[in-house]
Amino acid sequence: MPSRKKDIVFVCRLKQERMNRALSLDDVAKLTGVSKQSLWQIQNGTDPMLSTAIRIANGLNLEIDYLWPERLKVTKKGAKKK
């Protein structure tokens, strides 16, 4: 599997939303359906799959393009080439 550059924007915005709302990883896991372990890994350097990022955004009532703008630029750009 090719390595992916860690998306700092996603991690920073996820942490900021947690802090703003005073949410623990357990709280976010309950809201999103993403395991606490997966959330911890994401916040510590593992880029999530797009489907996981969407679950997180939906669970926190955020737009995915706010949470992960760089990934969506690449995805949309790549889709246009097909």
PDB file of N, CA and C in Angstrom:
ATOM      1  N   MET A   1       0.851  -1.177   0.000  1.00  0.00           N
ATOM      2  CA  MET A   1       0.000   0.000   0.000  1.00  0.00           C
ATOM      3  C   MET A   1       0.893   1.236   0.000  1.00  0.00           C
ATOM      4  N   PRO A   2       0.639   2.193  -0.892  1.00  0.00           N
ATOM      5  CA  PRO A   2       1.470   3.393  -0.927  1.00  0.00           C
ATOM      6  C   PRO A   2       1.283   4.226   0.328  1.00  0.00           C
ATOM      7  N   SER A   3       2.372   4.847   0.771  1.00  0.00           N
ATOM      8  CA  SER A   3       2.266   5.694   1.959  1.00  0.00           C
ATOM      9  C   SER A   3       1.613   7.013   1.570  1.00  0.00           C
ATOM     10  N   ARG A   4       0.883   7.572   2.502  1.00  0.00           N
ATOM     11  CA  ARG A   4       0.205   8.840   2.260  1.00  0.00           C
ATOM     12  C   ARG A   4       0.784   9.895   3.180  1.00  0.00           C
ATOM     13  N   LYS A   5       0.920  11.093   2.657  1.00  0.00           N
ATOM     14  CA  LYS A   5       1.390  12.212   3.469  1.00  0.00           C
ATOM     15  C   LYS A   5       0.319  12.520   4.515  1.00  0.00           C
ATOM     16  N   LYS A   6       0.754  12.664   5.736  1.00  0.00           N
ATOM     17  CA  LYS A   6      -0.181  12.989   6.808  1.00  0.00           C
ATOM     18  C   LYS A   6      -0.863  14.321   6.518  1.00  0.00           C
ATOM     19  N   ASP A   7      -2.171  14.324   6.626  1.00  0.00           N
ATOM     20  CA  ASP A   7      -2.933  15.538   6.370  1.00  0.00           C
ATOM     21  C   ASP A   7      -3.083  16.319   7.666  1.00  0.00           C
ATOM     22  N   ILE A   8      -2.255  17.321   7.836  1.00  0.00           N
ATOM     23  CA  ILE A   8      -2.227  18.121   9.051  1.00  0.00           C
ATOM     24  C   ILE A   8      -3.528  18.896   9.239  1.00  0.00           C
ATOM     25  N   VAL A   9      -4.122  19.368   8.159  1.00  0.00           N
ATOM     26  CA  VAL A   9      -5.356  20.157   8.262  1.00  0.00           C
ATOM     27  C   VAL A   9      -6.451  19.322   8.913  1.00  0.00           C
ATOM     28  N   PHE A  10      -6.627  18.091   8.463  1.00  0.00           N
ATOM     29  CA  PHE A  10      -7.664  17.219   9.016  1.00  0.00           C
ATOM     30  C   PHE A  10      -7.451  17.028  10.514  1.00  0.00           C
ATOM     31  N   VAL A  11      -6.236  16.689  10.899  1.00  0.00           N
ATOM     32  CA  VAL A  11      -5.923  16.440  12.305  1.00  0.00           C
ATOM     33  C   VAL A  11      -6.160  17.694  13.144  1.00  0.00           C
ATOM     34  N   CYS A  12      -5.681  18.833  12.680  1.00  0.00           N
ATOM     35  CA  CYS A  12      -5.837  20.082  13.436  1.00  0.00           C
ATOM     36  C   CYS A  12      -7.301  20.472  13.593  1.00  0.00           C
ATOM     37  N   ARG A  13      -8.054  20.339  12.524  1.00  0.00           N
ATOM     38  CA  ARG A  13      -9.470  20.716  12.600  1.00  0.00           C
ATOM     39  C   ARG A  13     -10.266  19.751  13.464  1.00  0.00           C
ATOM     40  N   LEU A  14      -9.940  18.470  13.401  1.00  0.00           N
ATOM     41  CA  LEU A  14     -10.618  17.498  14.256  1.00  0.00           C
ATOM     42  C   LEU A  14     -10.313  17.790  15.727  1.00  0.00           C
ATOM     43  N   LYS A  15      -9.054  18.019  16.045  1.00  0.00           N
ATOM     44  CA  LYS A  15      -8.685  18.339  17.431  1.00  0.00           C
ATOM     45  C   LYS A  15      -9.342  19.639  17.891  1.00  0.00           C
ATOM     46  N   GLN A  16      -9.372  20.637  17.005  1.00  0.00           N
ATOM     47  CA  GLN A  16      -9.978  21.922  17.363  1.00  0.00           C
ATOM     48  C   GLN A  16     -11.468  21.769  17.642  1.00  0.00           C
ATOM     49  N   GLU A  17     -12.157  20.992  16.823  1.00  0.00           N
ATOM     50  CA  GLU A  17     -13.587  20.747  17.055  1.00  0.00           C
ATOM     51  C   GLU A  17     -13.799  20.025  18.382  1.00  0.00           C
ATOM     52  N   ARG A  18     -12.953  19.059  18.680  1.00  0.00           N
ATOM     53  CA  ARG A  18     -13.063  18.355  19.967  1.00  0.00           C
ATOM     54  C   ARG A  18     -12.875  19.324  21.120  1.00  0.00           C
ATOM     55  N   MET A  19     -11.875  20.181  21.011  1.00  0.00           N
ATOM     56  CA  MET A  19     -11.608  21.143  22.091  1.00  0.00           C
ATOM     57  C   MET A  19     -12.749  22.145  22.228  1.00  0.00           C
ATOM     58  N   ASN A  20     -13.218  22.684  21.105  1.00  0.00           N
ATOM     59  CA  ASN A  20     -14.296  23.679  21.130  1.00  0.00           C
ATOM     60  C   ASN A  20     -15.566  23.132  21.769  1.00  0.00           C
ATOM     61  N   ARG A  21     -15.812  21.854  21.551  1.00  0.00           N
ATOM     62  CA  ARG A  21     -17.036  21.233  22.056  1.00  0.00           C
ATOM     63  C   ARG A  21     -16.814  20.441  23.343  1.00  0.00           C
ATOM     64  N   ALA A  22     -15.577  20.448  23.841  1.00  0.00           N
ATOM     65  CA  ALA A  22     -15.204  19.694  25.053  1.00  0.00           C
ATOM     66  C   ALA A  22     -15.585  18.210  24.925  1.00  0.00           C
ATOM     67  N   LEU A  23     -15.209  17.623  23.786  1.00  0.00           N
ATOM     68  CA  LEU A  23     -15.522  16.226  23.529  1.00  0.00           C
ATOM     69  C   LEU A  23     -14.303  15.344  23.741  1.00  0.00           C
ATOM     70  N   SER A  24     -14.512  14.222  24.395  1.00  0.00           N
ATOM     71  CA  SER A  24     -13.453  13.232  24.532  1.00  0.00           C
ATOM     72  C   SER A  24     -13.453  12.352  23.283  1.00  0.00           C
ATOM     73  N   LEU A  25     -12.437  11.499  23.151  1.00  0.00           N
ATOM     74  CA  LEU A  25     -12.445  10.540  22.046  1.00  0.00           C
ATOM     75  C   LEU A  25     -13.644   9.609  22.149  1.00  0.00           C
ATOM     76  N   ASP A  26     -14.011   9.237  23.378  1.00  0.00           N
ATOM     77  CA  ASP A  26     -15.199   8.405  23.568  1.00  0.00           C
ATOM     78  C   ASP A  26     -16.452   9.106  23.047  1.00  0.00           C
ATOM     79  N   ASP A  27     -16.572  10.390  23.327  1.00  0.00           N
ATOM     80  CA  ASP A  27     -17.721  11.165  22.850  1.00  0.00           C
ATOM     81  C   ASP A  27     -17.775  11.173  21.322  1.00  0.00           C
ATOM     82  N   VAL A  28     -16.627  11.439  20.698  1.00  0.00           N
ATOM     83  CA  VAL A  28     -16.573  11.490  19.236  1.00  0.00           C
ATOM     84  C   VAL A  28     -16.876  10.114  18.646  1.00  0.00           C
ATOM     85  N   ALA A  29     -16.373   9.072  19.284  1.00  0.00           N
ATOM     86  CA  ALA A  29     -16.645   7.710  18.813  1.00  0.00           C
ATOM     87  C   ALA A  29     -18.151   7.425  18.821  1.00  0.00           C
ATOM     88  N   LYS A  30     -18.820   7.837  19.888  1.00  0.00           N
ATOM     89  CA  LYS A  30     -20.270   7.623  19.981  1.00  0.00           C
ATOM     90  C   LYS A  30     -21.033   8.427  18.934  1.00  0.00           C
ATOM     91  N   LEU A  31     -20.602   9.649  18.691  1.00  0.00           N
ATOM     92  CA  LEU A  31     -21.284  10.511  17.717  1.00  0.00           C
ATOM     93  C   LEU A  31     -21.072  10.056  16.272  1.00  0.00           C
ATOM     94  N   THR A  32     -19.908   9.477  16.001  1.00  0.00           N
ATOM     95  CA  THR A  32     -19.528   9.189  14.616  1.00  0.00           C
ATOM     96  C   THR A  32     -19.633   7.716  14.225  1.00  0.00           C
ATOM     97  N   GLY A  33     -19.600   6.833  15.205  1.00  0.00           N
ATOM     98  CA  GLY A  33     -19.559   5.406  14.890  1.00  0.00           C
ATOM     99  C   GLY A  33     -18.169   4.931  14.511  1.00  0.00           C
ATOM    100  N   VAL A  34     -17.167   5.772  14.695  1.00  0.00           N
ATOM    101  CA  VAL A  34     -15.773   5.417  14.440  1.00  0.00           C
ATOM    102  C   VAL A  34     -15.158   5.062  15.786  1.00  0.00           C
ATOM    103  N   SER A  35     -14.426   3.958  15.838  1.00  0.00           N
ATOM    104  CA  SER A  35     -13.899   3.495  17.115  1.00  0.00           C
ATOM    105  C   SER A  35     -12.926   4.498  17.735  1.00  0.00           C
ATOM    106  N   LYS A  36     -12.848   4.467  19.043  1.00  0.00           N
ATOM    107  CA  LYS A  36     -11.928   5.335  19.784  1.00  0.00           C
ATOM    108  C   LYS A  36     -10.495   5.074  19.324  1.00  0.00           C
ATOM    109  N   GLN A  37     -10.158   3.805  19.106  1.00  0.00           N
ATOM    110  CA  GLN A  37      -8.809   3.443  18.654  1.00  0.00           C
ATOM    111  C   GLN A  37      -8.514   4.072  17.292  1.00  0.00           C
ATOM    112  N   SER A  38      -9.468   4.008  16.379  1.00  0.00           N
ATOM    113  CA  SER A  38      -9.266   4.605  15.048  1.00  0.00           C
ATOM    114  C   SER A  38      -9.109   6.118  15.153  1.00  0.00           C
ATOM    115  N   LEU A  39      -9.922   6.753  15.979  1.00  0.00           N
ATOM    116  CA  LEU A  39      -9.812   8.201  16.170  1.00  0.00           C
ATOM    117  C   LEU A  39      -8.454   8.577  16.743  1.00  0.00           C
ATOM    118  N   TRP A  40      -7.977   7.787  17.708  1.00  0.00           N
ATOM    119  CA  TRP A  40      -6.664   8.048  18.299  1.00  0.00           C
ATOM    120  C   TRP A  40      -5.585   7.931  17.232  1.00  0.00           C
ATOM    121  N   GLN A  41      -5.663   6.891  16.402  1.00  0.00           N
ATOM    122  CA  GLN A  41      -4.673   6.698  15.336  1.00  0.00           C
ATOM    123  C   GLN A  41      -4.690   7.862  14.351  1.00  0.00           C
ATOM    124  N   ILE A  42      -5.868   8.319  14.009  1.00  0.00           N
ATOM    125  CA  ILE A  42      -5.988   9.452  13.087  1.00  0.00           C
ATOM    126  C   ILE A  42      -5.349  10.692  13.689  1.00  0.00           C
ATOM    127  N   GLN A  43      -5.635  10.959  14.941  1.00  0.00           N
ATOM    128  CA  GLN A  43      -5.076  12.144  15.595  1.00  0.00           C
ATOM    129  C   GLN A  43      -3.577  12.024  15.842  1.00  0.00           C
ATOM    130  N   ASN A  44      -3.034  10.829  15.668  1.00  0.00           N
ATOM    131  CA  ASN A  44      -1.604  10.627  15.896  1.00  0.00           C
ATOM    132  C   ASN A  44      -0.865  10.199  14.642  1.00  0.00           C
ATOM    133  N   GLY A  45      -1.414  10.544  13.463  1.00  0.00           N
ATOM    134  CA  GLY A  45      -0.641  10.404  12.245  1.00  0.00           C
ATOM    135  C   GLY A  45      -1.135   9.477  11.162  1.00  0.00           C
ATOM    136  N   THR A  46      -2.183   8.716  11.393  1.00  0.00           N
ATOM    137  CA  THR A  46      -2.699   7.835  10.352  1.00  0.00           C
ATOM    138  C   THR A  46      -3.817   8.546   9.609  1.00  0.00           C
ATOM    139  N   ASP A  47      -3.651   8.721   8.307  1.00  0.00           N
ATOM    140  CA  ASP A  47      -4.718   9.341   7.517  1.00  0.00           C
ATOM    141  C   ASP A  47      -5.894   8.379   7.420  1.00  0.00           C
ATOM    142  N   PRO A  48      -7.096   8.892   7.626  1.00  0.00           N
ATOM    143  CA  PRO A  48      -8.277   8.024   7.527  1.00  0.00           C
ATOM    144  C   PRO A  48      -8.637   7.749   6.074  1.00  0.00           C
ATOM    145  N   MET A  49      -9.380   6.687   5.877  1.00  0.00           N
ATOM    146  CA  MET A  49      -9.974   6.464   4.565  1.00  0.00           C
ATOM    147  C   MET A  49     -11.035   7.547   4.382  1.00  0.00           C
ATOM    148  N   LEU A  50     -11.360   7.854   3.138  1.00  0.00           N
ATOM    149  CA  LEU A  50     -12.345   8.892   2.867  1.00  0.00           C
ATOM    150  C   LEU A  50     -13.684   8.571   3.526  1.00  0.00           C
ATOM    151  N   SER A  51     -14.086   7.305   3.507  1.00  0.00           N
ATOM    152  CA  SER A  51     -15.367   6.921   4.120  1.00  0.00           C
ATOM    153  C   SER A  51     -15.366   7.186   5.627  1.00  0.00           C
ATOM    154  N   THR A  52     -14.227   6.989   6.279  1.00  0.00           N
ATOM    155  CA  THR A  52     -14.114   7.258   7.716  1.00  0.00           C
ATOM    156  C   THR A  52     -14.179   8.763   7.971  1.00  0.00           C
ATOM    157  N   ALA A  53     -13.499   9.530   7.137  1.00  0.00           N
ATOM    158  CA  ALA A  53     -13.523  10.987   7.280  1.00  0.00           C
ATOM    159  C   ALA A  53     -14.948  11.515   7.116  1.00  0.00           C
ATOM    160  N   ILE A  54     -15.691  10.938   6.197  1.00  0.00           N
ATOM    161  CA  ILE A  54     -17.077  11.354   5.984  1.00  0.00           C
ATOM    162  C   ILE A  54     -17.927  11.014   7.206  1.00  0.00           C
ATOM    163  N   ARG A  55     -17.705   9.845   7.801  1.00  0.00           N
ATOM    164  CA  ARG A  55     -18.445   9.473   9.013  1.00  0.00           C
ATOM    165  C   ARG A  55     -18.147  10.447  10.151  1.00  0.00           C
ATOM    166  N   ILE A  56     -16.890  10.833  10.273  1.00  0.00           N
ATOM    167  CA  ILE A  56     -16.508  11.786  11.317  1.00  0.00           C
ATOM    168  C   ILE A  56     -17.183  13.132  11.061  1.00  0.00           C
ATOM    169  N   ALA A  57     -17.100  13.613   9.835  1.00  0.00           N
ATOM    170  CA  ALA A  57     -17.724  14.897   9.496  1.00  0.00           C
ATOM    171  C   ALA A  57     -19.226  14.856   9.762  1.00  0.00           C
ATOM    172  N   ASN A  58     -19.883  13.807   9.309  1.00  0.00           N
ATOM    173  CA  ASN A  58     -21.327  13.697   9.512  1.00  0.00           C
ATOM    174  C   ASN A  58     -21.684  13.640  10.988  1.00  0.00           C
ATOM    175  N   GLY A  59     -20.939  12.868  11.752  1.00  0.00           N
ATOM    176  CA  GLY A  59     -21.215  12.728  13.180  1.00  0.00           C
ATOM    177  C   GLY A  59     -21.035  14.017  13.957  1.00  0.00           C
ATOM    178  N   LEU A  60     -20.135  14.859  13.470  1.00  0.00           N
ATOM    179  CA  LEU A  60     -19.875  16.145  14.132  1.00  0.00           C
ATOM    180  C   LEU A  60     -20.635  17.297  13.462  1.00  0.00           C
ATOM    181  N   ASN A  61     -21.497  16.964  12.501  1.00  0.00           N
ATOM    182  CA  ASN A  61     -22.264  17.971  11.763  1.00  0.00           C
ATOM    183  C   ASN A  61     -21.368  19.017  11.113  1.00  0.00           C
ATOM    184  N   LEU A  62     -20.307  18.531  10.468  1.00  0.00           N
ATOM    185  CA  LEU A  62     -19.377  19.393   9.750  1.00  0.00           C
ATOM    186  C   LEU A  62     -19.406  19.040   8.271  1.00  0.00           C
ATOM    187  N   GLU A  63     -19.061  19.991   7.445  1.00  0.00           N
ATOM    188  CA  GLU A  63     -18.905  19.720   6.019  1.00  0.00           C
ATOM    189  C   GLU A  63     -17.561  19.022   5.822  1.00  0.00           C
ATOM    190  N   ILE A  64     -17.546  17.984   5.006  1.00  0.00           N
ATOM    191  CA  ILE A  64     -16.301  17.248   4.778  1.00  0.00           C
ATOM    192  C   ILE A  64     -15.243  18.140   4.138  1.00  0.00           C
ATOM    193  N   ASP A  65     -15.633  19.076   3.304  1.00  0.00           N
ATOM    194  CA  ASP A  65     -14.636  19.946   2.682  1.00  0.00           C
ATOM    195  C   ASP A  65     -14.021  20.935   3.671  1.00  0.00           C
ATOM    196  N   TYR A  66     -14.670  21.178   4.789  1.00  0.00           N
ATOM    197  CA  TYR A  66     -14.059  21.968   5.862  1.00  0.00           C
ATOM    198  C   TYR A  66     -13.026  21.108   6.597  1.00  0.00           C
ATOM    199  N   LEU A  67     -13.409  19.896   6.915  1.00  0.00           N
ATOM    200  CA  LEU A  67     -12.565  19.019   7.710  1.00  0.00           C
ATOM    201  C   LEU A  67     -11.362  18.509   6.924  1.00  0.00           C
ATOM    202  N   TRP A  68     -11.542  18.264   5.642  1.00  0.00           N
ATOM    203  CA  TRP A  68     -10.474  17.640   4.853  1.00  0.00           C
ATOM    204  C   TRP A  68     -10.374  18.257   3.458  1.00  0.00           C
ATOM    205  N   PRO A  69     -10.086  19.544   3.362  1.00  0.00           N
ATOM    206  CA  PRO A  69     -10.098  20.229   2.063  1.00  0.00           C
ATOM    207  C   PRO A  69      -9.050  19.729   1.082  1.00  0.00           C
ATOM    208  N   GLU A  70      -7.858  19.421   1.538  1.00  0.00           N
ATOM    209  CA  GLU A  70      -6.782  18.999   0.642  1.00  0.00           C
ATOM    210  C   GLU A  70      -7.094  17.669  -0.029  1.00  0.00           C
ATOM    211  N   ARG A  71      -7.640  16.738   0.710  1.00  0.00           N
ATOM    212  CA  ARG A  71      -7.963  15.426   0.140  1.00  0.00           C
ATOM    213  C   ARG A  71      -9.038  15.561  -0.932  1.00  0.00           C
ATOM    214  N   LEU A  72     -10.012  16.401  -0.690  1.00  0.00           N
ATOM    215  CA  LEU A  72     -11.096  16.551  -1.652  1.00  0.00           C
ATOM    216  C   LEU A  72     -10.631  17.243  -2.920  1.00  0.00           C
ATOM    217  N   LYS A  73      -9.667  18.155  -2.817  1.00  0.00           N
ATOM    218  CA  LYS A  73      -9.117  18.786  -4.017  1.00  0.00           C
ATOM    219  C   LYS A  73      -8.474  17.729  -4.908  1.00  0.00           C
ATOM    220  N   VAL A  74      -7.707  16.838  -4.295  1.00  0.00           N
ATOM    221  CA  VAL A  74      -7.040  15.772  -5.043  1.00  0.00           C
ATOM    222  C   VAL A  74      -8.064  14.824  -5.638  1.00  0.00           C
ATOM    223  N   THR A  75      -9.065  14.433  -4.840  1.00  0.00           N
ATOM    224  CA  THR A  75     -10.093  13.509  -5.311  1.00  0.00           C
ATOM    225  C   THR A  75     -10.882  14.108  -6.461  1.00  0.00           C
ATOM    226  N   LYS A  76     -11.306  15.347  -6.325  1.00  0.00           N
ATOM    227  CA  LYS A  76     -12.082  15.997  -7.381  1.00  0.00           C
ATOM    228  C   LYS A  76     -11.235  16.200  -8.632  1.00  0.00           C
ATOM    229  N   LYS A  77      -9.988  16.589  -8.448  1.00  0.00           N
ATOM    230  CA  LYS A  77      -9.088  16.791  -9.570  1.00  0.00           C
ATOM    231  C   LYS A  77      -8.892  15.489 -10.335  1.00  0.00           C
ATOM    232  N   GLY A  78      -8.667  14.406  -9.569  1.00  0.00           N
ATOM    233  CA  GLY A  78      -8.470  13.096 -10.184  1.00  0.00           C
ATOM    234  C   GLY A  78      -9.714  12.621 -10.912  1.00  0.00           C
ATOM    235  N   ALA A  79     -10.875  12.922 -10.391  1.00  0.00           N
ATOM    236  CA  ALA A  79     -12.137  12.481 -10.995  1.00  0.00           C
ATOM    237  C   ALA A  79     -12.363  13.168 -12.338  1.00  0.00           C
ATOM    238  N   LYS A  80     -11.909  14.398 -12.466  1.00  0.00           N
ATOM    239  CA  LYS A  80     -12.090  15.134 -13.714  1.00  0.00           C
ATOM    240  C   LYS A  80     -11.276  14.538 -14.857  1.00  0.00           C
ATOM    241  N   LYS A  81     -10.164  13.897 -14.512  1.00  0.00           N
ATOM    242  CA  LYS A  81      -9.274  13.357 -15.532  1.00  0.00           C
ATOM    243  C   LYS A  81      -9.838  12.076 -16.157  1.00  0.00           C
ATOM    244  N   LYS A  82     -10.761  11.419 -15.500  1.00  0.00           N
ATOM    245  CA  LYS A  82     -11.283  10.149 -16.013  1.00  0.00           C
ATOM    246  C   LYS A  82     -12.150  10.328 -17.227  1.00  0.00           C
TER     247      LYS A  82
END
